[in-house]
C-alpha atoms as a PDB file:
ATOM      1  CA  MET A   1      55.681  92.737  46.293  1.00  0.00           C
ATOM      2  CA  LEU A   2      55.281  91.498  49.850  1.00  0.00           C
ATOM      3  CA  ASN A   3      51.948  90.204  51.107  1.00  0.00           C
ATOM      4  CA  GLN A   4      50.598  91.185  54.500  1.00  0.00           C
ATOM      5  CA  TYR A   5      49.755  88.411  56.946  1.00  0.00           C
ATOM      6  CA  GLU A   6      48.327  88.037  60.393  1.00  0.00           C
ATOM      7  CA  THR A   7      49.360  85.135  62.579  1.00  0.00           C
ATOM      8  CA  VAL A   8      47.898  84.265  65.956  1.00  0.00           C
ATOM      9  CA  PHE A   9      49.353  81.552  68.130  1.00  0.00           C
ATOM     10  CA  ILE A  10      48.242  80.077  71.421  1.00  0.00           C
ATOM     11  CA  ALA A  11      50.974  79.011  73.814  1.00  0.00           C
ATOM     12  CA  THR A  12      50.520  76.581  76.666  1.00  0.00           C
ATOM     13  CA  PRO A  13      49.334  78.273  79.891  1.00  0.00           C
ATOM     14  CA  VAL A  14      52.101  76.678  81.993  1.00  0.00           C
ATOM     15  CA  LEU A  15      54.760  79.089  80.667  1.00  0.00           C
ATOM     16  CA  SER A  16      56.259  81.733  82.914  1.00  0.00           C
ATOM     17  CA  GLU A  17      56.277  85.354  81.726  1.00  0.00           C
ATOM     18  CA  ILE A  18      59.940  84.978  80.720  1.00  0.00           C
ATOM     19  CA  GLN A  19      59.241  81.752  78.786  1.00  0.00           C
ATOM     20  CA  MET A  20      56.333  83.449  76.999  1.00  0.00           C
ATOM     21  CA  LYS A  21      58.573  86.402  76.021  1.00  0.00           C
ATOM     22  CA  GLU A  22      61.195  83.946  74.710  1.00  0.00           C
ATOM     23  CA  THR A  23      58.521  82.154  72.669  1.00  0.00           C
ATOM     24  CA  VAL A  24      57.267  85.419  71.145  1.00  0.00           C
ATOM     25  CA  GLN A  25      60.848  86.497  70.405  1.00  0.00           C
ATOM     26  CA  LYS A  26      61.570  83.186  68.659  1.00  0.00           C
ATOM     27  CA  PHE A  27      58.657  83.558  66.239  1.00  0.00           C
ATOM     28  CA  LYS A  28      59.331  87.252  65.608  1.00  0.00           C
ATOM     29  CA  MET A  29      62.936  86.335  64.729  1.00  0.00           C
ATOM     30  CA  ILE A  30      61.781  83.602  62.337  1.00  0.00           C
ATOM     31  CA  ILE A  31      59.794  86.297  60.519  1.00  0.00           C
ATOM     32  CA  THR A  32      62.513  88.969  60.479  1.00  0.00           C
ATOM     33  CA  ASP A  33      65.444  86.588  59.826  1.00  0.00           C
ATOM     34  CA  ASN A  34      63.632  85.381  56.693  1.00  0.00           C
ATOM     35  CA  GLY A  35      63.031  88.832  55.208  1.00  0.00           C
ATOM     36  CA  GLY A  36      59.692  89.560  56.865  1.00  0.00           C
ATOM     37  CA  GLU A  37      58.796  92.913  58.390  1.00  0.00           C
ATOM     38  CA  ILE A  38      56.695  93.097  61.556  1.00  0.00           C
ATOM     39  CA  VAL A  39      53.969  95.702  61.208  1.00  0.00           C
ATOM     40  CA  HIS A  40      52.141  95.274  64.515  1.00  0.00           C
ATOM     41  CA  GLU A  41      51.888  92.895  67.461  1.00  0.00           C
ATOM     42  CA  GLU A  42      49.467  92.421  70.321  1.00  0.00           C
ATOM     43  CA  ASN A  43      49.704  90.355  73.461  1.00  0.00           C
ATOM     44  CA  TRP A  44      46.154  89.198  74.152  1.00  0.00           C
ATOM     45  CA  GLY A  45      47.262  87.464  77.339  1.00  0.00           C
ATOM     46  CA  LEU A  46      45.828  84.410  79.040  1.00  0.00           C
ATOM     47  CA  ARG A  47      42.358  83.564  77.737  1.00  0.00           C
ATOM     48  CA  LYS A  48      39.878  80.748  78.072  1.00  0.00           C
ATOM     49  CA  LEU A  49      39.827  78.374  75.099  1.00  0.00           C
ATOM     50  CA  ALA A  50      36.553  77.618  73.310  1.00  0.00           C
ATOM     51  CA  TYR A  51      37.245  73.937  73.996  1.00  0.00           C
ATOM     52  CA  PRO A  52      40.051  72.039  75.778  1.00  0.00           C
ATOM     53  CA  ILE A  53      43.221  71.492  73.740  1.00  0.00           C
ATOM     54  CA  GLN A  54      45.769  68.984  75.053  1.00  0.00           C
ATOM     55  CA  LYS A  55      43.743  68.900  78.305  1.00  0.00           C
ATOM     56  CA  LYS A  56      44.222  72.662  78.776  1.00  0.00           C
ATOM     57  CA  SER A  57      41.320  75.088  79.088  1.00  0.00           C
ATOM     58  CA  THR A  58      43.358  78.316  78.786  1.00  0.00           C
ATOM     59  CA  GLY A  59      46.261  79.553  76.697  1.00  0.00           C
ATOM     60  CA  PHE A  60      48.395  82.629  76.034  1.00  0.00           C
ATOM     61  CA  TYR A  61      47.254  84.334  72.833  1.00  0.00           C
ATOM     62  CA  TYR A  62      49.631  86.438  70.739  1.00  0.00           C
ATOM     63  CA  LEU A  63      49.057  88.204  67.420  1.00  0.00           C
ATOM     64  CA  ILE A  64      51.708  89.331  64.941  1.00  0.00           C
ATOM     65  CA  GLU A  65      50.894  91.258  61.771  1.00  0.00           C
ATOM     66  CA  PHE A  66      53.711  91.210  59.233  1.00  0.00           C
ATOM     67  CA  LYS A  67      54.741  91.646  55.600  1.00  0.00           C
ATOM     68  CA  ALA A  68      56.586  88.808  53.891  1.00  0.00           C
ATOM     69  CA  GLU A  69      56.834  86.620  50.837  1.00  0.00           C
ATOM     70  CA  GLY A  70      54.523  83.618  50.752  1.00  0.00           C
ATOM     71  CA  ALA A  71      57.391  81.138  51.165  1.00  0.00           C
ATOM     72  CA  LEU A  72      57.950  82.353  54.736  1.00  0.00           C
ATOM     73  CA  ILE A  73      54.544  81.092  55.884  1.00  0.00           C
ATOM     74  CA  GLU A  74      55.461  77.440  55.469  1.00  0.00           C
ATOM     75  CA  GLN A  75      58.721  77.948  57.413  1.00  0.00           C
ATOM     76  CA  LEU A  76      56.848  79.735  60.196  1.00  0.00           C
ATOM     77  CA  GLU A  77      54.163  77.059  60.450  1.00  0.00           C
ATOM     78  CA  VAL A  78      56.727  74.229  60.491  1.00  0.00           C
ATOM     79  CA  GLN A  79      58.328  75.960  63.485  1.00  0.00           C
ATOM     80  CA  TYR A  80      54.928  76.286  65.221  1.00  0.00           C
ATOM     81  CA  ARG A  81      54.329  72.550  64.755  1.00  0.00           C
ATOM     82  CA  ARG A  82      57.776  71.641  66.103  1.00  0.00           C
ATOM     83  CA  ASP A  83      57.460  73.813  69.217  1.00  0.00           C
ATOM     84  CA  GLU A  84      55.814  71.975  72.112  1.00  0.00           C
ATOM     85  CA  ARG A  85      54.905  75.339  73.700  1.00  0.00           C
ATOM     86  CA  ILE A  86      52.459  76.128  70.859  1.00  0.00           C
ATOM     87  CA  ILE A  87      49.056  74.453  71.158  1.00  0.00           C
ATOM     88  CA  ARG A  88      47.316  76.181  68.197  1.00  0.00           C
ATOM     89  CA  PHE A  89      48.149  78.675  65.471  1.00  0.00           C
ATOM     90  CA  LEU A  90      46.482  80.347  62.525  1.00  0.00           C
ATOM     91  CA  THR A  91      48.097  82.428  59.796  1.00  0.00           C
ATOM     92  CA  PHE A  92      46.222  84.125  57.016  1.00  0.00           C
ATOM     93  CA  LYS A  93      46.902  86.531  54.198  1.00  0.00           C
ATOM     94  CA  MET A  94      45.233  89.864  54.755  1.00  0.00           C
ATOM     95  CA  GLU A  95      43.351  91.286  51.789  1.00  0.00           C
ATOM     96  CA  LYS A  96      43.679  95.022  51.116  1.00  0.00           C
ATOM     97  CA  ALA A  97      40.408  95.787  52.968  1.00  0.00           C
ATOM     98  CA  ALA A  98      41.545  93.800  56.030  1.00  0.00           C
ATOM     99  CA  VAL A  99      44.863  95.681  56.116  1.00  0.00           C
ATOM    100  CA  GLU A 100      43.065  99.038  55.915  1.00  0.00           C
ATOM    101  CA  TYR A 101      40.581  97.979  58.603  1.00  0.00           C
ATOM    102  CA  ALA A 102      43.383  96.853  60.968  1.00  0.00           C
ATOM    103  CA  GLU A 103      45.241 100.147  60.449  1.00  0.00           C
ATOM    104  CA  LYS A 104      42.049 102.140  61.087  1.00  0.00           C
ATOM    105  CA  LYS A 105      41.322 100.184  64.317  1.00  0.00           C
ATOM    106  CA  ARG A 106      44.894 100.817  65.531  1.00  0.00           C
ATOM    107  CA  ARG A 107      44.588 104.551  64.855  1.00  0.00           C
ATOM    108  CA  GLN A 108      41.299 104.639  66.785  1.00  0.00           C
ATOM    109  CA  ARG A 109      42.860 102.811  69.749  1.00  0.00           C
ATOM    110  CA  GLU A 110      45.928 105.071  69.683  1.00  0.00           C
ATOM    111  CA  SER A 111      43.798 108.230  69.649  1.00  0.00           C
ATOM    112  CA  LYS A 112      41.768 106.901  72.610  1.00  0.00           C
ATOM    113  CA  THR A 113      45.003 106.184  74.494  1.00  0.00           C
ATOM    114  CA  VAL A 114      46.264 109.716  73.824  1.00  0.00           C
ATOM    115  CA  GLU A 115      42.959 111.221  75.045  1.00  0.00           C
ATOM    116  CA  ASN A 116      42.982 109.305  78.356  1.00  0.00           C
END
């Protein structure tokens, strides 16, 4: 039985669009190459940080929702720590209610997009 997780990482704001895409691709591949399945992803773009991190006041935020075995999380987080492009990250296991809520929110957004 795979667990469902959500991971958000913040990349340094000095990356070009191509470098950001490469960074996202790297972490998606770590998930899929280790038996994980990506359920959903969102590029939240460049946002202001709540407080400066490594003397930076903004960062590129990216969210990936995925299913995987628990052992994958440690591998993923080791790679975040080793990558100088990543200034912060957070991964958490989604409880059943959180998974249902995320799916419901996506359906609502999709139906709004279809209407417009």
